[in-house]
């Protein structure tokens, strides 16, 4: 497998491998969305998708085909900060987020 200019492997994949790739990319992105990840709402979304894809292609090229393992490998090196929901007060406190109230003077 040769590398293209953008650092992505270039080559061809059989239909089963492509199907696995699509399924895993969708699953990883849906998991990030479900976790309310800040990576999805930031300008870094395109960079995150590129990292996920690059990691997946490298793992597939090395022979990995287990979808669960591929999901883990896809997230390697991706910095994801989970934002707690407003109603999740316990999680907010655990992460060091404190609610504040303003008392009118």
PDB file of N, CA and C in Angstrom:
ATOM      1  N   UNK A   1       0.859  -1.170   0.000  1.00  0.00           N
ATOM      2  CA  UNK A   1       0.000   0.000   0.000  1.00  0.00           C
ATOM      3  C   UNK A   1       0.906   1.234   0.000  1.00  0.00           C
ATOM      4  N   UNK A   2       0.740   2.127  -0.949  1.00  0.00           N
ATOM      5  CA  UNK A   2       1.523   3.350  -1.008  1.00  0.00           C
ATOM      6  C   UNK A   2       0.762   4.476  -0.333  1.00  0.00           C
ATOM      7  N   UNK A   3       1.508   5.524   0.053  1.00  0.00           N
ATOM      8  CA  UNK A   3       0.856   6.661   0.706  1.00  0.00           C
ATOM      9  C   UNK A   3       0.628   7.775  -0.293  1.00  0.00           C
ATOM     10  N   UNK A   4      -0.505   8.403  -0.193  1.00  0.00           N
ATOM     11  CA  UNK A   4      -0.814   9.536  -1.056  1.00  0.00           C
ATOM     12  C   UNK A   4      -0.200  10.796  -0.468  1.00  0.00           C
ATOM     13  N   UNK A   5      -0.384  11.880  -1.144  1.00  0.00           N
ATOM     14  CA  UNK A   5       0.165  13.159  -0.708  1.00  0.00           C
ATOM     15  C   UNK A   5      -0.366  13.575   0.658  1.00  0.00           C
ATOM     16  N   UNK A   6      -1.619  13.295   0.944  1.00  0.00           N
ATOM     17  CA  UNK A   6      -2.225  13.730   2.201  1.00  0.00           C
ATOM     18  C   UNK A   6      -1.952  12.765   3.353  1.00  0.00           C
ATOM     19  N   UNK A   7      -1.107  11.773   3.151  1.00  0.00           N
ATOM     20  CA  UNK A   7      -0.782  10.849   4.217  1.00  0.00           C
ATOM     21  C   UNK A   7      -1.773   9.718   4.381  1.00  0.00           C
ATOM     22  N   UNK A   8      -2.727   9.626   3.481  1.00  0.00           N
ATOM     23  CA  UNK A   8      -3.720   8.560   3.539  1.00  0.00           C
ATOM     24  C   UNK A   8      -3.253   7.425   2.641  1.00  0.00           C
ATOM     25  N   UNK A   9      -3.411   6.195   3.091  1.00  0.00           N
ATOM     26  CA  UNK A   9      -3.030   5.079   2.231  1.00  0.00           C
ATOM     27  C   UNK A   9      -3.836   5.099   0.937  1.00  0.00           C
ATOM     28  N   UNK A  10      -3.173   4.768  -0.141  1.00  0.00           N
ATOM     29  CA  UNK A  10      -3.895   4.681  -1.404  1.00  0.00           C
ATOM     30  C   UNK A  10      -3.871   3.229  -1.850  1.00  0.00           C
ATOM     31  N   UNK A  11      -4.950   2.777  -2.382  1.00  0.00           N
ATOM     32  CA  UNK A  11      -5.054   1.395  -2.808  1.00  0.00           C
ATOM     33  C   UNK A  11      -6.505   1.047  -2.981  1.00  0.00           C
ATOM     34  N   UNK A  12      -6.763  -0.235  -3.069  1.00  0.00           N
ATOM     35  CA  UNK A  12      -8.148  -0.649  -3.221  1.00  0.00           C
ATOM     36  C   UNK A  12      -8.494  -1.666  -2.150  1.00  0.00           C
ATOM     37  N   UNK A  13      -9.764  -1.714  -1.813  1.00  0.00           N
ATOM     38  CA  UNK A  13     -10.257  -2.608  -0.776  1.00  0.00           C
ATOM     39  C   UNK A  13     -11.428  -3.395  -1.339  1.00  0.00           C
ATOM     40  N   UNK A  14     -11.555  -4.633  -0.884  1.00  0.00           N
ATOM     41  CA  UNK A  14     -12.661  -5.460  -1.356  1.00  0.00           C
ATOM     42  C   UNK A  14     -13.969  -4.960  -0.742  1.00  0.00           C
ATOM     43  N   UNK A  15     -15.110  -5.347  -1.321  1.00  0.00           N
ATOM     44  CA  UNK A  15     -16.407  -4.856  -0.844  1.00  0.00           C
ATOM     45  C   UNK A  15     -16.670  -5.138   0.636  1.00  0.00           C
ATOM     46  N   UNK A  16     -16.250  -6.289   1.130  1.00  0.00           N
ATOM     47  CA  UNK A  16     -16.468  -6.616   2.544  1.00  0.00           C
ATOM     48  C   UNK A  16     -15.681  -5.673   3.453  1.00  0.00           C
ATOM     49  N   UNK A  17     -14.442  -5.379   3.073  1.00  0.00           N
ATOM     50  CA  UNK A  17     -13.616  -4.457   3.859  1.00  0.00           C
ATOM     51  C   UNK A  17     -14.203  -3.052   3.826  1.00  0.00           C
ATOM     52  N   UNK A  18     -14.666  -2.615   2.661  1.00  0.00           N
ATOM     53  CA  UNK A  18     -15.295  -1.296   2.560  1.00  0.00           C
ATOM     54  C   UNK A  18     -16.551  -1.219   3.416  1.00  0.00           C
ATOM     55  N   UNK A  19     -17.333  -2.281   3.416  1.00  0.00           N
ATOM     56  CA  UNK A  19     -18.536  -2.310   4.250  1.00  0.00           C
ATOM     57  C   UNK A  19     -18.155  -2.176   5.727  1.00  0.00           C
ATOM     58  N   UNK A  20     -17.145  -2.932   6.155  1.00  0.00           N
ATOM     59  CA  UNK A  20     -16.676  -2.847   7.543  1.00  0.00           C
ATOM     60  C   UNK A  20     -16.202  -1.438   7.857  1.00  0.00           C
ATOM     61  N   UNK A  21     -15.468  -0.838   6.946  1.00  0.00           N
ATOM     62  CA  UNK A  21     -14.972   0.524   7.132  1.00  0.00           C
ATOM     63  C   UNK A  21     -16.120   1.502   7.321  1.00  0.00           C
ATOM     64  N   UNK A  22     -17.122   1.439   6.464  1.00  0.00           N
ATOM     65  CA  UNK A  22     -18.274   2.341   6.572  1.00  0.00           C
ATOM     66  C   UNK A  22     -19.038   2.130   7.872  1.00  0.00           C
ATOM     67  N   UNK A  23     -19.241   0.874   8.237  1.00  0.00           N
ATOM     68  CA  UNK A  23     -19.974   0.564   9.469  1.00  0.00           C
ATOM     69  C   UNK A  23     -19.229   1.104  10.683  1.00  0.00           C
ATOM     70  N   UNK A  24     -17.917   0.912  10.719  1.00  0.00           N
ATOM     71  CA  UNK A  24     -17.132   1.357  11.873  1.00  0.00           C
ATOM     72  C   UNK A  24     -17.063   2.879  11.930  1.00  0.00           C
ATOM     73  N   UNK A  25     -16.868   3.542  10.803  1.00  0.00           N
ATOM     74  CA  UNK A  25     -16.839   5.014  10.801  1.00  0.00           C
ATOM     75  C   UNK A  25     -18.163   5.560  11.328  1.00  0.00           C
ATOM     76  N   UNK A  26     -19.274   5.022  10.842  1.00  0.00           N
ATOM     77  CA  UNK A  26     -20.587   5.467  11.324  1.00  0.00           C
ATOM     78  C   UNK A  26     -20.750   5.210  12.813  1.00  0.00           C
ATOM     79  N   UNK A  27     -20.330   4.046  13.276  1.00  0.00           N
ATOM     80  CA  UNK A  27     -20.470   3.700  14.694  1.00  0.00           C
ATOM     81  C   UNK A  27     -19.631   4.618  15.572  1.00  0.00           C
ATOM     82  N   UNK A  28     -18.393   4.876  15.157  1.00  0.00           N
ATOM     83  CA  UNK A  28     -17.515   5.759  15.936  1.00  0.00           C
ATOM     84  C   UNK A  28     -18.107   7.164  15.984  1.00  0.00           C
ATOM     85  N   UNK A  29     -18.532   7.678  14.848  1.00  0.00           N
ATOM     86  CA  UNK A  29     -19.078   9.041  14.811  1.00  0.00           C
ATOM     87  C   UNK A  29     -20.371   9.140  15.618  1.00  0.00           C
ATOM     88  N   UNK A  30     -21.221   8.118  15.540  1.00  0.00           N
ATOM     89  CA  UNK A  30     -22.456   8.101  16.335  1.00  0.00           C
ATOM     90  C   UNK A  30     -22.154   8.032  17.824  1.00  0.00           C
ATOM     91  N   UNK A  31     -21.137   7.253  18.203  1.00  0.00           N
ATOM     92  CA  UNK A  31     -20.742   7.173  19.610  1.00  0.00           C
ATOM     93  C   UNK A  31     -20.242   8.528  20.112  1.00  0.00           C
ATOM     94  N   UNK A  32     -19.447   9.211  19.291  1.00  0.00           N
ATOM     95  CA  UNK A  32     -18.966  10.542  19.679  1.00  0.00           C
ATOM     96  C   UNK A  32     -20.131  11.509  19.827  1.00  0.00           C
ATOM     97  N   UNK A  33     -21.066  11.438  18.917  1.00  0.00           N
ATOM     98  CA  UNK A  33     -22.243  12.296  18.979  1.00  0.00           C
ATOM     99  C   UNK A  33     -23.067  11.993  20.228  1.00  0.00           C
ATOM    100  N   UNK A  34     -23.251  10.712  20.535  1.00  0.00           N
ATOM    101  CA  UNK A  34     -24.022  10.314  21.714  1.00  0.00           C
ATOM    102  C   UNK A  34     -23.340  10.760  23.001  1.00  0.00           C
ATOM    103  N   UNK A  35     -22.017  10.835  22.978  1.00  0.00           N
ATOM    104  CA  UNK A  35     -21.264  11.265  24.156  1.00  0.00           C
ATOM    105  C   UNK A  35     -21.255  12.782  24.290  1.00  0.00           C
ATOM    106  N   UNK A  36     -21.924  13.463  23.349  1.00  0.00           N
ATOM    107  CA  UNK A  36     -21.975  14.923  23.360  1.00  0.00           C
ATOM    108  C   UNK A  36     -20.568  15.501  23.339  1.00  0.00           C
ATOM    109  N   UNK A  37     -19.761  14.973  22.479  1.00  0.00           N
ATOM    110  CA  UNK A  37     -18.359  15.346  22.402  1.00  0.00           C
ATOM    111  C   UNK A  37     -18.176  16.734  21.803  1.00  0.00           C
ATOM    112  N   UNK A  38     -17.251  17.489  22.382  1.00  0.00           N
ATOM    113  CA  UNK A  38     -16.968  18.825  21.858  1.00  0.00           C
ATOM    114  C   UNK A  38     -16.302  18.756  20.495  1.00  0.00           C
ATOM    115  N   UNK A  39     -15.722  17.618  20.141  1.00  0.00           N
ATOM    116  CA  UNK A  39     -15.068  17.508  18.849  1.00  0.00           C
ATOM    117  C   UNK A  39     -16.084  17.645  17.712  1.00  0.00           C
ATOM    118  N   UNK A  40     -17.340  17.313  17.972  1.00  0.00           N
ATOM    119  CA  UNK A  40     -18.354  17.378  16.930  1.00  0.00           C
ATOM    120  C   UNK A  40     -18.824  18.796  16.660  1.00  0.00           C
ATOM    121  N   UNK A  41     -18.726  19.667  17.636  1.00  0.00           N
ATOM    122  CA  UNK A  41     -19.238  21.016  17.460  1.00  0.00           C
ATOM    123  C   UNK A  41     -18.129  22.023  17.188  1.00  0.00           C
ATOM    124  N   UNK A  42     -16.905  21.580  17.140  1.00  0.00           N
ATOM    125  CA  UNK A  42     -15.791  22.498  16.945  1.00  0.00           C
ATOM    126  C   UNK A  42     -15.325  22.498  15.497  1.00  0.00           C
ATOM    127  N   UNK A  43     -14.432  23.413  15.221  1.00  0.00           N
ATOM    128  CA  UNK A  43     -13.847  23.481  13.884  1.00  0.00           C
ATOM    129  C   UNK A  43     -12.960  22.272  13.626  1.00  0.00           C
ATOM    130  N   UNK A  44     -12.672  21.503  14.656  1.00  0.00           N
ATOM    131  CA  UNK A  44     -11.819  20.330  14.518  1.00  0.00           C
ATOM    132  C   UNK A  44     -12.533  19.087  14.042  1.00  0.00           C
ATOM    133  N   UNK A  45     -13.802  19.189  13.680  1.00  0.00           N
ATOM    134  CA  UNK A  45     -14.561  18.007  13.252  1.00  0.00           C
ATOM    135  C   UNK A  45     -13.935  17.358  12.020  1.00  0.00           C
ATOM    136  N   UNK A  46     -13.526  18.156  11.052  1.00  0.00           N
ATOM    137  CA  UNK A  46     -12.915  17.600   9.839  1.00  0.00           C
ATOM    138  C   UNK A  46     -11.599  16.909  10.179  1.00  0.00           C
ATOM    139  N   UNK A  47     -10.843  17.520  11.079  1.00  0.00           N
ATOM    140  CA  UNK A  47      -9.574  16.917  11.501  1.00  0.00           C
ATOM    141  C   UNK A  47      -9.832  15.603  12.238  1.00  0.00           C
ATOM    142  N   UNK A  48     -10.863  15.580  13.067  1.00  0.00           N
ATOM    143  CA  UNK A  48     -11.203  14.359  13.800  1.00  0.00           C
ATOM    144  C   UNK A  48     -11.608  13.253  12.836  1.00  0.00           C
ATOM    145  N   UNK A  49     -12.415  13.593  11.833  1.00  0.00           N
ATOM    146  CA  UNK A  49     -12.827  12.588  10.848  1.00  0.00           C
ATOM    147  C   UNK A  49     -11.622  12.051  10.084  1.00  0.00           C
ATOM    148  N   UNK A  50     -10.685  12.934   9.752  1.00  0.00           N
ATOM    149  CA  UNK A  50      -9.479  12.495   9.044  1.00  0.00           C
ATOM    150  C   UNK A  50      -8.650  11.561   9.921  1.00  0.00           C
ATOM    151  N   UNK A  51      -8.532  11.890  11.207  1.00  0.00           N
ATOM    152  CA  UNK A  51      -7.785  11.039  12.133  1.00  0.00           C
ATOM    153  C   UNK A  51      -8.441   9.674  12.259  1.00  0.00           C
ATOM    154  N   UNK A  52      -9.754   9.664  12.421  1.00  0.00           N
ATOM    155  CA  UNK A  52     -10.497   8.402  12.535  1.00  0.00           C
ATOM    156  C   UNK A  52     -10.283   7.555  11.283  1.00  0.00           C
ATOM    157  N   UNK A  53     -10.416   8.162  10.125  1.00  0.00           N
ATOM    158  CA  UNK A  53     -10.269   7.430   8.868  1.00  0.00           C
ATOM    159  C   UNK A  53      -8.850   6.918   8.689  1.00  0.00           C
ATOM    160  N   UNK A  54      -7.871   7.761   8.971  1.00  0.00           N
ATOM    161  CA  UNK A  54      -6.467   7.363   8.844  1.00  0.00           C
ATOM    162  C   UNK A  54      -6.162   6.185   9.767  1.00  0.00           C
ATOM    163  N   UNK A  55      -6.644   6.262  11.015  1.00  0.00           N
ATOM    164  CA  UNK A  55      -6.426   5.170  11.967  1.00  0.00           C
ATOM    165  C   UNK A  55      -7.086   3.878  11.498  1.00  0.00           C
ATOM    166  N   UNK A  56      -8.303   3.994  10.988  1.00  0.00           N
ATOM    167  CA  UNK A  56      -9.012   2.801  10.508  1.00  0.00           C
ATOM    168  C   UNK A  56      -8.299   2.161   9.324  1.00  0.00           C
ATOM    169  N   UNK A  57      -7.887   2.970   8.368  1.00  0.00           N
ATOM    170  CA  UNK A  57      -7.203   2.421   7.204  1.00  0.00           C
ATOM    171  C   UNK A  57      -5.894   1.751   7.602  1.00  0.00           C
ATOM    172  N   UNK A  58      -5.163   2.355   8.527  1.00  0.00           N
ATOM    173  CA  UNK A  58      -3.913   1.748   8.997  1.00  0.00           C
ATOM    174  C   UNK A  58      -4.185   0.415   9.688  1.00  0.00           C
ATOM    175  N   UNK A  59      -5.231   0.364  10.505  1.00  0.00           N
ATOM    176  CA  UNK A  59      -5.570  -0.876  11.209  1.00  0.00           C
ATOM    177  C   UNK A  59      -6.015  -1.952  10.226  1.00  0.00           C
ATOM    178  N   UNK A  60      -6.838  -1.579   9.259  1.00  0.00           N
ATOM    179  CA  UNK A  60      -7.292  -2.540   8.248  1.00  0.00           C
ATOM    180  C   UNK A  60      -6.110  -3.030   7.416  1.00  0.00           C
ATOM    181  N   UNK A  61      -5.209  -2.116   7.057  1.00  0.00           N
ATOM    182  CA  UNK A  61      -4.033  -2.501   6.275  1.00  0.00           C
ATOM    183  C   UNK A  61      -3.113  -3.440   7.047  1.00  0.00           C
ATOM    184  N   UNK A  62      -3.146  -3.354   8.382  1.00  0.00           N
ATOM    185  CA  UNK A  62      -2.313  -4.250   9.189  1.00  0.00           C
ATOM    186  C   UNK A  62      -2.997  -5.591   9.446  1.00  0.00           C
ATOM    187  N   UNK A  63      -4.227  -5.747   8.931  1.00  0.00           N
ATOM    188  CA  UNK A  63      -4.907  -7.029   9.040  1.00  0.00           C
ATOM    189  C   UNK A  63      -6.028  -7.095  10.053  1.00  0.00           C
ATOM    190  N   UNK A  64      -6.261  -6.021  10.791  1.00  0.00           N
ATOM    191  CA  UNK A  64      -7.344  -6.024  11.786  1.00  0.00           C
ATOM    192  C   UNK A  64      -8.688  -6.007  11.066  1.00  0.00           C
ATOM    193  N   UNK A  65      -9.614  -6.850  11.520  1.00  0.00           N
ATOM    194  CA  UNK A  65     -10.935  -6.880  10.885  1.00  0.00           C
ATOM    195  C   UNK A  65     -12.072  -6.957  11.903  1.00  0.00           C
ATOM    196  N   UNK A  66     -11.750  -7.031  13.193  1.00  0.00           N
ATOM    197  CA  UNK A  66     -12.785  -7.075  14.225  1.00  0.00           C
ATOM    198  C   UNK A  66     -13.359  -5.672  14.413  1.00  0.00           C
ATOM    199  N   UNK A  67     -14.664  -5.477  14.167  1.00  0.00           N
ATOM    200  CA  UNK A  67     -15.252  -4.137  14.262  1.00  0.00           C
ATOM    201  C   UNK A  67     -15.074  -3.469  15.627  1.00  0.00           C
ATOM    202  N   UNK A  68     -15.174  -4.224  16.713  1.00  0.00           N
ATOM    203  CA  UNK A  68     -15.001  -3.620  18.038  1.00  0.00           C
ATOM    204  C   UNK A  68     -13.571  -3.134  18.244  1.00  0.00           C
ATOM    205  N   UNK A  69     -12.613  -3.927  17.810  1.00  0.00           N
ATOM    206  CA  UNK A  69     -11.207  -3.523  17.921  1.00  0.00           C
ATOM    207  C   UNK A  69     -10.932  -2.330  17.001  1.00  0.00           C
ATOM    208  N   UNK A  70     -11.517  -2.345  15.812  1.00  0.00           N
ATOM    209  CA  UNK A  70     -11.334  -1.226  14.888  1.00  0.00           C
ATOM    210  C   UNK A  70     -11.874   0.073  15.476  1.00  0.00           C
ATOM    211  N   UNK A  71     -13.007  -0.002  16.185  1.00  0.00           N
ATOM    212  CA  UNK A  71     -13.562   1.200  16.818  1.00  0.00           C
ATOM    213  C   UNK A  71     -12.574   1.782  17.819  1.00  0.00           C
ATOM    214  N   UNK A  72     -11.958   0.918  18.620  1.00  0.00           N
ATOM    215  CA  UNK A  72     -10.978   1.397  19.600  1.00  0.00           C
ATOM    216  C   UNK A  72      -9.765   2.012  18.908  1.00  0.00           C
ATOM    217  N   UNK A  73      -9.266   1.337  17.898  1.00  0.00           N
ATOM    218  CA  UNK A  73      -8.096   1.840  17.179  1.00  0.00           C
ATOM    219  C   UNK A  73      -8.394   3.147  16.448  1.00  0.00           C
ATOM    220  N   UNK A  74      -9.619   3.317  15.991  1.00  0.00           N
ATOM    221  CA  UNK A  74      -9.997   4.538  15.274  1.00  0.00           C
ATOM    222  C   UNK A  74      -9.874   5.770  16.158  1.00  0.00           C
ATOM    223  N   UNK A  75     -10.088   5.598  17.449  1.00  0.00           N
ATOM    224  CA  UNK A  75     -10.080   6.734  18.372  1.00  0.00           C
ATOM    225  C   UNK A  75      -8.698   7.060  18.930  1.00  0.00           C
ATOM    226  N   UNK A  76      -7.695   6.241  18.636  1.00  0.00           N
ATOM    227  CA  UNK A  76      -6.354   6.491  19.158  1.00  0.00           C
ATOM    228  C   UNK A  76      -5.843   7.852  18.718  1.00  0.00           C
ATOM    229  N   UNK A  77      -5.333   8.603  19.674  1.00  0.00           N
ATOM    230  CA  UNK A  77      -4.764   9.904  19.375  1.00  0.00           C
ATOM    231  C   UNK A  77      -5.777  11.012  19.179  1.00  0.00           C
ATOM    232  N   UNK A  78      -7.043  10.682  19.320  1.00  0.00           N
ATOM    233  CA  UNK A  78      -8.088  11.689  19.151  1.00  0.00           C
ATOM    234  C   UNK A  78      -8.431  12.252  20.521  1.00  0.00           C
ATOM    235  N   UNK A  79      -8.247  13.537  20.683  1.00  0.00           N
ATOM    236  CA  UNK A  79      -8.569  14.170  21.958  1.00  0.00           C
ATOM    237  C   UNK A  79     -10.039  14.548  21.951  1.00  0.00           C
ATOM    238  N   UNK A  80     -10.781  13.887  22.809  1.00  0.00           N
ATOM    239  CA  UNK A  80     -12.220  14.102  22.878  1.00  0.00           C
ATOM    240  C   UNK A  80     -12.571  14.530  24.287  1.00  0.00           C
ATOM    241  N   UNK A  81     -13.189  15.669  24.392  1.00  0.00           N
ATOM    242  CA  UNK A  81     -13.639  16.160  25.693  1.00  0.00           C
ATOM    243  C   UNK A  81     -15.146  16.009  25.758  1.00  0.00           C
ATOM    244  N   UNK A  82     -15.605  15.289  26.741  1.00  0.00           N
ATOM    245  CA  UNK A  82     -17.046  15.092  26.889  1.00  0.00           C
ATOM    246  C   UNK A  82     -17.622  16.250  27.688  1.00  0.00           C
ATOM    247  N   UNK A  83     -18.647  16.861  27.138  1.00  0.00           N
ATOM    248  CA  UNK A  83     -19.343  17.932  27.850  1.00  0.00           C
ATOM    249  C   UNK A  83     -20.524  17.324  28.579  1.00  0.00           C
ATOM    250  N   UNK A  84     -20.626  17.542  29.874  1.00  0.00           N
ATOM    251  CA  UNK A  84     -21.800  17.021  30.582  1.00  0.00           C
ATOM    252  C   UNK A  84     -23.052  17.794  30.193  1.00  0.00           C
ATOM    253  N   UNK A  85     -24.175  17.125  30.269  1.00  0.00           N
ATOM    254  CA  UNK A  85     -25.456  17.771  30.010  1.00  0.00           C
ATOM    255  C   UNK A  85     -25.761  18.734  31.154  1.00  0.00           C
ATOM    256  N   UNK A  86     -26.539  19.763  30.886  1.00  0.00           N
ATOM    257  CA  UNK A  86     -26.887  20.741  31.923  1.00  0.00           C
ATOM    258  C   UNK A  86     -27.554  20.086  33.120  1.00  0.00           C
ATOM    259  N   UNK A  87     -28.401  19.099  32.871  1.00  0.00           N
ATOM    260  CA  UNK A  87     -29.140  18.470  33.955  1.00  0.00           C
ATOM    261  C   UNK A  87     -28.306  17.440  34.712  1.00  0.00           C
ATOM    262  N   UNK A  88     -27.097  17.164  34.246  1.00  0.00           N
ATOM    263  CA  UNK A  88     -26.247  16.144  34.852  1.00  0.00           C
ATOM    264  C   UNK A  88     -25.337  16.795  35.900  1.00  0.00           C
ATOM    265  N   UNK A  89     -25.925  17.259  36.986  1.00  0.00           N
ATOM    266  CA  UNK A  89     -25.200  18.005  38.016  1.00  0.00           C
ATOM    267  C   UNK A  89     -24.075  17.187  38.641  1.00  0.00           C
ATOM    268  N   UNK A  90     -24.325  15.910  38.931  1.00  0.00           N
ATOM    269  CA  UNK A  90     -23.291  15.063  39.524  1.00  0.00           C
ATOM    270  C   UNK A  90     -22.078  14.934  38.625  1.00  0.00           C
ATOM    271  N   UNK A  91     -22.310  14.736  37.344  1.00  0.00           N
ATOM    272  CA  UNK A  91     -21.211  14.626  36.387  1.00  0.00           C
ATOM    273  C   UNK A  91     -20.478  15.957  36.264  1.00  0.00           C
ATOM    274  N   UNK A  92     -21.207  17.057  36.299  1.00  0.00           N
ATOM    275  CA  UNK A  92     -20.580  18.372  36.220  1.00  0.00           C
ATOM    276  C   UNK A  92     -19.646  18.599  37.402  1.00  0.00           C
ATOM    277  N   UNK A  93     -20.095  18.245  38.583  1.00  0.00           N
ATOM    278  CA  UNK A  93     -19.262  18.423  39.769  1.00  0.00           C
ATOM    279  C   UNK A  93     -18.043  17.514  39.725  1.00  0.00           C
ATOM    280  N   UNK A  94     -18.233  16.286  39.269  1.00  0.00           N
ATOM    281  CA  UNK A  94     -17.122  15.346  39.185  1.00  0.00           C
ATOM    282  C   UNK A  94     -16.039  15.871  38.244  1.00  0.00           C
ATOM    283  N   UNK A  95     -16.444  16.547  37.183  1.00  0.00           N
ATOM    284  CA  UNK A  95     -15.493  17.085  36.221  1.00  0.00           C
ATOM    285  C   UNK A  95     -14.966  18.463  36.610  1.00  0.00           C
ATOM    286  N   UNK A  96     -15.428  18.975  37.728  1.00  0.00           N
ATOM    287  CA  UNK A  96     -14.962  20.272  38.180  1.00  0.00           C
ATOM    288  C   UNK A  96     -15.747  21.441  37.637  1.00  0.00           C
ATOM    289  N   UNK A  97     -16.879  21.173  37.024  1.00  0.00           N
ATOM    290  CA  UNK A  97     -17.749  22.234  36.537  1.00  0.00           C
ATOM    291  C   UNK A  97     -18.674  22.609  37.678  1.00  0.00           C
ATOM    292  N   UNK A  98     -18.776  23.856  37.969  1.00  0.00           N
ATOM    293  CA  UNK A  98     -19.636  24.296  39.066  1.00  0.00           C
ATOM    294  C   UNK A  98     -20.679  25.260  38.529  1.00  0.00           C
ATOM    295  N   UNK A  99     -21.886  25.037  38.950  1.00  0.00           N
ATOM    296  CA  UNK A  99     -22.930  25.971  38.547  1.00  0.00           C
ATOM    297  C   UNK A  99     -22.852  27.184  39.454  1.00  0.00           C
ATOM    298  N   UNK A 100     -23.232  28.301  38.939  1.00  0.00           N
ATOM    299  CA  UNK A 100     -23.231  29.493  39.770  1.00  0.00           C
ATOM    300  C   UNK A 100     -24.559  30.208  39.582  1.00  0.00           C
ATOM    301  N   UNK A 101     -24.935  30.895  40.589  1.00  0.00           N
ATOM    302  CA  UNK A 101     -26.167  31.666  40.485  1.00  0.00           C
ATOM    303  C   UNK A 101     -25.847  33.110  40.820  1.00  0.00           C
ATOM    304  N   UNK A 102     -26.579  33.983  40.220  1.00  0.00           N
ATOM    305  CA  UNK A 102     -26.383  35.409  40.457  1.00  0.00           C
ATOM    306  C   UNK A 102     -27.577  35.906  41.247  1.00  0.00           C
ATOM    307  N   UNK A 103     -27.281  36.519  42.371  1.00  0.00           N
ATOM    308  CA  UNK A 103     -28.339  37.072  43.203  1.00  0.00           C
ATOM    309  C   UNK A 103     -28.492  38.540  42.857  1.00  0.00           C
ATOM    310  N   UNK A 104     -29.701  38.963  42.490  1.00  0.00           N
ATOM    311  CA  UNK A 104     -29.890  40.374  42.158  1.00  0.00           C
ATOM    312  C   UNK A 104     -29.580  41.264  43.362  1.00  0.00           C
ATOM    313  N   UNK A 105     -28.978  42.407  43.105  1.00  0.00           N
ATOM    314  CA  UNK A 105     -28.599  43.329  44.183  1.00  0.00           C
ATOM    315  C   UNK A 105     -29.781  44.111  44.683  1.00  0.00           C
TER     316      UNK A 105
END
